[in-house]
């Protein structure tokens, strides 16, 4: 997938009045934090941000161009008004790519377990997995193929094949799913 680009300009002004004026021009106020804890006040196009925000996950890197300079960043948070369907503010986290980051992923399931096709029930246990890796090595999502699971079998965190560049922080013996026998 091609990396999304969000253009931003630095700003000096802050406050509610300035934020309202900025929103009237089609931009939103934003703040970018770096790994040292420093912050930069920004303004970004509301339409450009909204388009990117709707198509990324928390672990998706975007190219945040601040005054024309490329920065790899995550969209950390946004203030969203559900009544007007508009983003009001955005927070970014700029990464260097040299320091590992930690993320919690919701486990997504693919396939129908063989045991379920034979009348069993899939029981979900651990639904989130915590991982640590360099930003460029993080997956967009974690998918667990459950199609081969038979009645009485379990799939654990250790069974997830995430590669050698990702450190899984969740206990390896944690059970993700089990296939229970049919009720009699």
C-alpha atoms as a PDB file:
ATOM      1  CA  UNK A   1       0.000   0.000   0.000  1.00  0.00           C
ATOM      2  CA  UNK A   2       1.253   3.456  -0.845  1.00  0.00           C
ATOM      3  CA  UNK A   3       2.049   5.599   2.183  1.00  0.00           C
ATOM      4  CA  UNK A   4      -0.417   8.406   2.840  1.00  0.00           C
ATOM      5  CA  UNK A   5       0.883  11.975   2.883  1.00  0.00           C
ATOM      6  CA  UNK A   6      -0.492  14.651   5.198  1.00  0.00           C
ATOM      7  CA  UNK A   7       0.792  18.170   4.560  1.00  0.00           C
ATOM      8  CA  UNK A   8       1.153  20.414   7.591  1.00  0.00           C
ATOM      9  CA  UNK A   9       2.368  23.920   8.373  1.00  0.00           C
ATOM     10  CA  UNK A  10       3.816  25.064  11.673  1.00  0.00           C
ATOM     11  CA  UNK A  11       1.789  27.612  13.583  1.00  0.00           C
ATOM     12  CA  UNK A  12       2.576  29.955  16.432  1.00  0.00           C
ATOM     13  CA  UNK A  13      -0.905  30.853  17.651  1.00  0.00           C
ATOM     14  CA  UNK A  14      -3.010  28.698  19.962  1.00  0.00           C
ATOM     15  CA  UNK A  15      -6.292  28.922  21.836  1.00  0.00           C
ATOM     16  CA  UNK A  16     -10.009  28.394  21.241  1.00  0.00           C
ATOM     17  CA  UNK A  17     -10.532  31.569  19.235  1.00  0.00           C
ATOM     18  CA  UNK A  18      -7.636  30.772  16.892  1.00  0.00           C
ATOM     19  CA  UNK A  19      -8.811  27.158  16.514  1.00  0.00           C
ATOM     20  CA  UNK A  20     -12.310  28.307  15.488  1.00  0.00           C
ATOM     21  CA  UNK A  21     -10.868  30.707  12.911  1.00  0.00           C
ATOM     22  CA  UNK A  22      -8.599  27.964  11.589  1.00  0.00           C
ATOM     23  CA  UNK A  23     -11.533  25.545  11.192  1.00  0.00           C
ATOM     24  CA  UNK A  24     -13.474  28.186   9.209  1.00  0.00           C
ATOM     25  CA  UNK A  25     -10.645  28.215   6.631  1.00  0.00           C
ATOM     26  CA  UNK A  26     -10.837  24.410   6.138  1.00  0.00           C
ATOM     27  CA  UNK A  27      -7.899  23.515   8.374  1.00  0.00           C
ATOM     28  CA  UNK A  28      -7.678  21.990  11.832  1.00  0.00           C
ATOM     29  CA  UNK A  29      -5.182  22.570  14.637  1.00  0.00           C
ATOM     30  CA  UNK A  30      -2.791  19.711  15.340  1.00  0.00           C
ATOM     31  CA  UNK A  31       0.164  18.862  17.555  1.00  0.00           C
ATOM     32  CA  UNK A  32       3.073  16.581  16.664  1.00  0.00           C
ATOM     33  CA  UNK A  33       5.075  14.962  19.466  1.00  0.00           C
ATOM     34  CA  UNK A  34       8.464  13.335  18.958  1.00  0.00           C
ATOM     35  CA  UNK A  35      10.309  10.570  20.819  1.00  0.00           C
ATOM     36  CA  UNK A  36      11.981  13.150  23.089  1.00  0.00           C
ATOM     37  CA  UNK A  37       8.607  14.486  24.270  1.00  0.00           C
ATOM     38  CA  UNK A  38       8.900  17.775  22.374  1.00  0.00           C
ATOM     39  CA  UNK A  39       5.834  19.172  20.632  1.00  0.00           C
ATOM     40  CA  UNK A  40       5.245  21.207  17.472  1.00  0.00           C
ATOM     41  CA  UNK A  41       2.044  23.193  16.861  1.00  0.00           C
ATOM     42  CA  UNK A  42       0.654  22.487  13.374  1.00  0.00           C
ATOM     43  CA  UNK A  43      -2.239  23.194  11.077  1.00  0.00           C
ATOM     44  CA  UNK A  44      -3.421  20.592   8.569  1.00  0.00           C
ATOM     45  CA  UNK A  45      -6.105  20.507   5.899  1.00  0.00           C
ATOM     46  CA  UNK A  46      -9.263  19.091   7.457  1.00  0.00           C
ATOM     47  CA  UNK A  47     -10.234  17.226   4.263  1.00  0.00           C
ATOM     48  CA  UNK A  48      -6.761  15.739   3.779  1.00  0.00           C
ATOM     49  CA  UNK A  49      -6.550  14.626   7.411  1.00  0.00           C
ATOM     50  CA  UNK A  50     -10.064  13.147   7.426  1.00  0.00           C
ATOM     51  CA  UNK A  51      -9.350  11.104   4.284  1.00  0.00           C
ATOM     52  CA  UNK A  52      -6.152   9.686   5.809  1.00  0.00           C
ATOM     53  CA  UNK A  53      -7.679   9.138   9.262  1.00  0.00           C
ATOM     54  CA  UNK A  54     -10.528   7.046   7.861  1.00  0.00           C
ATOM     55  CA  UNK A  55      -8.178   4.677   6.011  1.00  0.00           C
ATOM     56  CA  UNK A  56      -5.440   3.943   8.583  1.00  0.00           C
ATOM     57  CA  UNK A  57      -5.033   1.887  11.724  1.00  0.00           C
ATOM     58  CA  UNK A  58      -3.233   3.014  14.892  1.00  0.00           C
ATOM     59  CA  UNK A  59      -0.125   1.185  13.652  1.00  0.00           C
ATOM     60  CA  UNK A  60      -0.059   2.725  10.160  1.00  0.00           C
ATOM     61  CA  UNK A  61       2.784   5.130   9.445  1.00  0.00           C
ATOM     62  CA  UNK A  62       1.907   8.240   7.455  1.00  0.00           C
ATOM     63  CA  UNK A  63       4.229  10.745   5.838  1.00  0.00           C
ATOM     64  CA  UNK A  64       3.681  13.958   7.817  1.00  0.00           C
ATOM     65  CA  UNK A  65       5.187  16.745   5.685  1.00  0.00           C
ATOM     66  CA  UNK A  66       5.862  19.658   8.018  1.00  0.00           C
ATOM     67  CA  UNK A  67       6.684  22.757   5.953  1.00  0.00           C
ATOM     68  CA  UNK A  68       7.834  20.429   3.139  1.00  0.00           C
ATOM     69  CA  UNK A  69      10.036  18.210   5.346  1.00  0.00           C
ATOM     70  CA  UNK A  70       9.157  14.481   5.461  1.00  0.00           C
ATOM     71  CA  UNK A  71       8.505  12.855   8.849  1.00  0.00           C
ATOM     72  CA  UNK A  72       7.299   9.335   9.593  1.00  0.00           C
ATOM     73  CA  UNK A  73       4.409   9.598  12.061  1.00  0.00           C
ATOM     74  CA  UNK A  74       1.418   7.840  13.565  1.00  0.00           C
ATOM     75  CA  UNK A  75      -1.957   9.474  13.986  1.00  0.00           C
ATOM     76  CA  UNK A  76      -2.044   9.162  17.755  1.00  0.00           C
ATOM     77  CA  UNK A  77      -5.422  10.714  18.508  1.00  0.00           C
ATOM     78  CA  UNK A  78      -8.096  13.004  17.139  1.00  0.00           C
ATOM     79  CA  UNK A  79     -10.936  15.030  18.570  1.00  0.00           C
ATOM     80  CA  UNK A  80     -13.977  14.145  16.487  1.00  0.00           C
ATOM     81  CA  UNK A  81     -17.419  15.778  16.510  1.00  0.00           C
ATOM     82  CA  UNK A  82     -19.975  13.092  15.766  1.00  0.00           C
ATOM     83  CA  UNK A  83     -22.772  15.647  15.182  1.00  0.00           C
ATOM     84  CA  UNK A  84     -20.970  17.461  12.387  1.00  0.00           C
ATOM     85  CA  UNK A  85     -18.928  14.433  11.214  1.00  0.00           C
ATOM     86  CA  UNK A  86     -15.739  16.496  11.389  1.00  0.00           C
ATOM     87  CA  UNK A  87     -12.331  16.199  13.001  1.00  0.00           C
ATOM     88  CA  UNK A  88     -11.635  19.154  15.288  1.00  0.00           C
ATOM     89  CA  UNK A  89      -8.034  18.461  16.338  1.00  0.00           C
ATOM     90  CA  UNK A  90      -5.294  15.904  15.648  1.00  0.00           C
ATOM     91  CA  UNK A  91      -2.281  14.543  17.518  1.00  0.00           C
ATOM     92  CA  UNK A  92       0.654  12.938  15.720  1.00  0.00           C
ATOM     93  CA  UNK A  93       3.605  10.951  17.058  1.00  0.00           C
ATOM     94  CA  UNK A  94       6.777  11.380  14.981  1.00  0.00           C
ATOM     95  CA  UNK A  95       9.177   8.420  15.027  1.00  0.00           C
ATOM     96  CA  UNK A  96      12.794   8.156  13.968  1.00  0.00           C
ATOM     97  CA  UNK A  97      12.541   4.519  12.871  1.00  0.00           C
ATOM     98  CA  UNK A  98      15.479   3.590  15.124  1.00  0.00           C
ATOM     99  CA  UNK A  99      13.595   3.143  18.390  1.00  0.00           C
ATOM    100  CA  UNK A 100      11.120   0.246  18.896  1.00  0.00           C
ATOM    101  CA  UNK A 101       7.492   1.071  19.637  1.00  0.00           C
ATOM    102  CA  UNK A 102       4.870  -0.972  21.465  1.00  0.00           C
ATOM    103  CA  UNK A 103       1.324  -1.542  20.207  1.00  0.00           C
ATOM    104  CA  UNK A 104      -1.745  -3.515  21.271  1.00  0.00           C
ATOM    105  CA  UNK A 105      -3.439  -5.266  18.360  1.00  0.00           C
ATOM    106  CA  UNK A 106      -6.916  -6.718  18.266  1.00  0.00           C
ATOM    107  CA  UNK A 107      -6.634 -10.227  16.797  1.00  0.00           C
ATOM    108  CA  UNK A 108      -8.704 -10.700  13.630  1.00  0.00           C
ATOM    109  CA  UNK A 109      -9.797 -14.189  12.618  1.00  0.00           C
ATOM    110  CA  UNK A 110      -9.861 -15.667   9.121  1.00  0.00           C
ATOM    111  CA  UNK A 111     -11.582 -18.824   7.997  1.00  0.00           C
ATOM    112  CA  UNK A 112     -14.110 -21.086   9.655  1.00  0.00           C
ATOM    113  CA  UNK A 113     -12.658 -23.661  12.070  1.00  0.00           C
ATOM    114  CA  UNK A 114     -12.965 -27.272  10.873  1.00  0.00           C
ATOM    115  CA  UNK A 115     -14.319 -28.166  14.319  1.00  0.00           C
ATOM    116  CA  UNK A 116     -17.141 -25.639  13.965  1.00  0.00           C
ATOM    117  CA  UNK A 117     -18.139 -27.215  10.652  1.00  0.00           C
ATOM    118  CA  UNK A 118     -18.469 -30.492  12.585  1.00  0.00           C
ATOM    119  CA  UNK A 119     -20.782 -28.941  15.198  1.00  0.00           C
ATOM    120  CA  UNK A 120     -18.283 -27.474  17.684  1.00  0.00           C
ATOM    121  CA  UNK A 121     -18.126 -23.929  19.017  1.00  0.00           C
ATOM    122  CA  UNK A 122     -15.266 -21.447  18.751  1.00  0.00           C
ATOM    123  CA  UNK A 123     -14.536 -19.844  22.129  1.00  0.00           C
ATOM    124  CA  UNK A 124     -12.443 -16.665  22.086  1.00  0.00           C
ATOM    125  CA  UNK A 125     -10.104 -16.095  25.038  1.00  0.00           C
ATOM    126  CA  UNK A 126      -7.318 -13.553  24.391  1.00  0.00           C
ATOM    127  CA  UNK A 127      -8.502 -10.976  21.864  1.00  0.00           C
ATOM    128  CA  UNK A 128      -5.579  -8.499  22.121  1.00  0.00           C
ATOM    129  CA  UNK A 129      -1.862  -9.121  21.576  1.00  0.00           C
ATOM    130  CA  UNK A 130       0.880  -6.686  22.631  1.00  0.00           C
ATOM    131  CA  UNK A 131       3.919  -6.458  20.338  1.00  0.00           C
ATOM    132  CA  UNK A 132       7.131  -4.429  20.133  1.00  0.00           C
ATOM    133  CA  UNK A 133       9.094  -3.660  16.952  1.00  0.00           C
ATOM    134  CA  UNK A 134      10.648  -0.920  14.881  1.00  0.00           C
ATOM    135  CA  UNK A 135       7.888   1.226  13.318  1.00  0.00           C
ATOM    136  CA  UNK A 136       8.571   0.046   9.759  1.00  0.00           C
ATOM    137  CA  UNK A 137       8.339  -3.628  10.843  1.00  0.00           C
ATOM    138  CA  UNK A 138       4.921  -3.410  12.521  1.00  0.00           C
ATOM    139  CA  UNK A 139       2.073  -5.141  10.667  1.00  0.00           C
ATOM    140  CA  UNK A 140      -1.101  -3.240   9.775  1.00  0.00           C
ATOM    141  CA  UNK A 141      -3.112  -5.911  11.611  1.00  0.00           C
ATOM    142  CA  UNK A 142      -2.724  -9.363  13.165  1.00  0.00           C
ATOM    143  CA  UNK A 143      -4.765 -12.089  11.507  1.00  0.00           C
ATOM    144  CA  UNK A 144      -5.133 -15.570  12.991  1.00  0.00           C
ATOM    145  CA  UNK A 145      -6.094 -18.365  10.549  1.00  0.00           C
ATOM    146  CA  UNK A 146      -8.457 -20.629  12.481  1.00  0.00           C
ATOM    147  CA  UNK A 147      -9.587 -22.820   9.558  1.00  0.00           C
ATOM    148  CA  UNK A 148      -7.561 -25.913  10.610  1.00  0.00           C
ATOM    149  CA  UNK A 149      -8.675 -25.934  14.280  1.00  0.00           C
ATOM    150  CA  UNK A 150     -10.506 -29.142  15.175  1.00  0.00           C
ATOM    151  CA  UNK A 151     -12.754 -29.933  18.156  1.00  0.00           C
ATOM    152  CA  UNK A 152     -10.657 -29.968  21.338  1.00  0.00           C
ATOM    153  CA  UNK A 153      -7.786 -27.978  19.812  1.00  0.00           C
ATOM    154  CA  UNK A 154      -6.537 -24.565  20.853  1.00  0.00           C
ATOM    155  CA  UNK A 155      -4.559 -21.806  19.195  1.00  0.00           C
ATOM    156  CA  UNK A 156      -2.121 -19.899  21.406  1.00  0.00           C
ATOM    157  CA  UNK A 157      -0.163 -16.669  20.975  1.00  0.00           C
ATOM    158  CA  UNK A 158       2.903 -18.803  20.186  1.00  0.00           C
ATOM    159  CA  UNK A 159       1.054 -20.145  17.124  1.00  0.00           C
ATOM    160  CA  UNK A 160       0.890 -16.658  15.565  1.00  0.00           C
ATOM    161  CA  UNK A 161       3.685 -16.419  13.033  1.00  0.00           C
ATOM    162  CA  UNK A 162       4.637 -12.736  13.153  1.00  0.00           C
ATOM    163  CA  UNK A 163       8.240 -13.066  12.003  1.00  0.00           C
ATOM    164  CA  UNK A 164      11.546 -12.536  13.748  1.00  0.00           C
ATOM    165  CA  UNK A 165      11.503  -8.713  13.627  1.00  0.00           C
ATOM    166  CA  UNK A 166       8.511  -8.515  15.988  1.00  0.00           C
ATOM    167  CA  UNK A 167       8.737  -9.250  19.707  1.00  0.00           C
ATOM    168  CA  UNK A 168       5.466 -10.504  21.171  1.00  0.00           C
ATOM    169  CA  UNK A 169       5.024  -9.194  24.726  1.00  0.00           C
ATOM    170  CA  UNK A 170       1.867 -11.184  25.481  1.00  0.00           C
ATOM    171  CA  UNK A 171       2.614 -14.537  27.139  1.00  0.00           C
ATOM    172  CA  UNK A 172       3.254 -17.193  24.486  1.00  0.00           C
ATOM    173  CA  UNK A 173       1.054 -19.776  26.266  1.00  0.00           C
ATOM    174  CA  UNK A 174      -1.972 -17.441  26.298  1.00  0.00           C
ATOM    175  CA  UNK A 175      -4.870 -19.142  24.521  1.00  0.00           C
ATOM    176  CA  UNK A 176      -6.468 -17.163  21.691  1.00  0.00           C
ATOM    177  CA  UNK A 177      -9.255 -19.607  20.822  1.00  0.00           C
ATOM    178  CA  UNK A 178     -10.409 -23.119  21.663  1.00  0.00           C
ATOM    179  CA  UNK A 179     -12.876 -25.303  19.788  1.00  0.00           C
ATOM    180  CA  UNK A 180     -15.413 -26.697  22.244  1.00  0.00           C
ATOM    181  CA  UNK A 181     -17.346 -29.897  21.499  1.00  0.00           C
ATOM    182  CA  UNK A 182     -21.008 -29.667  20.508  1.00  0.00           C
ATOM    183  CA  UNK A 183     -23.537 -29.471  23.333  1.00  0.00           C
ATOM    184  CA  UNK A 184     -25.540 -32.616  23.865  1.00  0.00           C
END
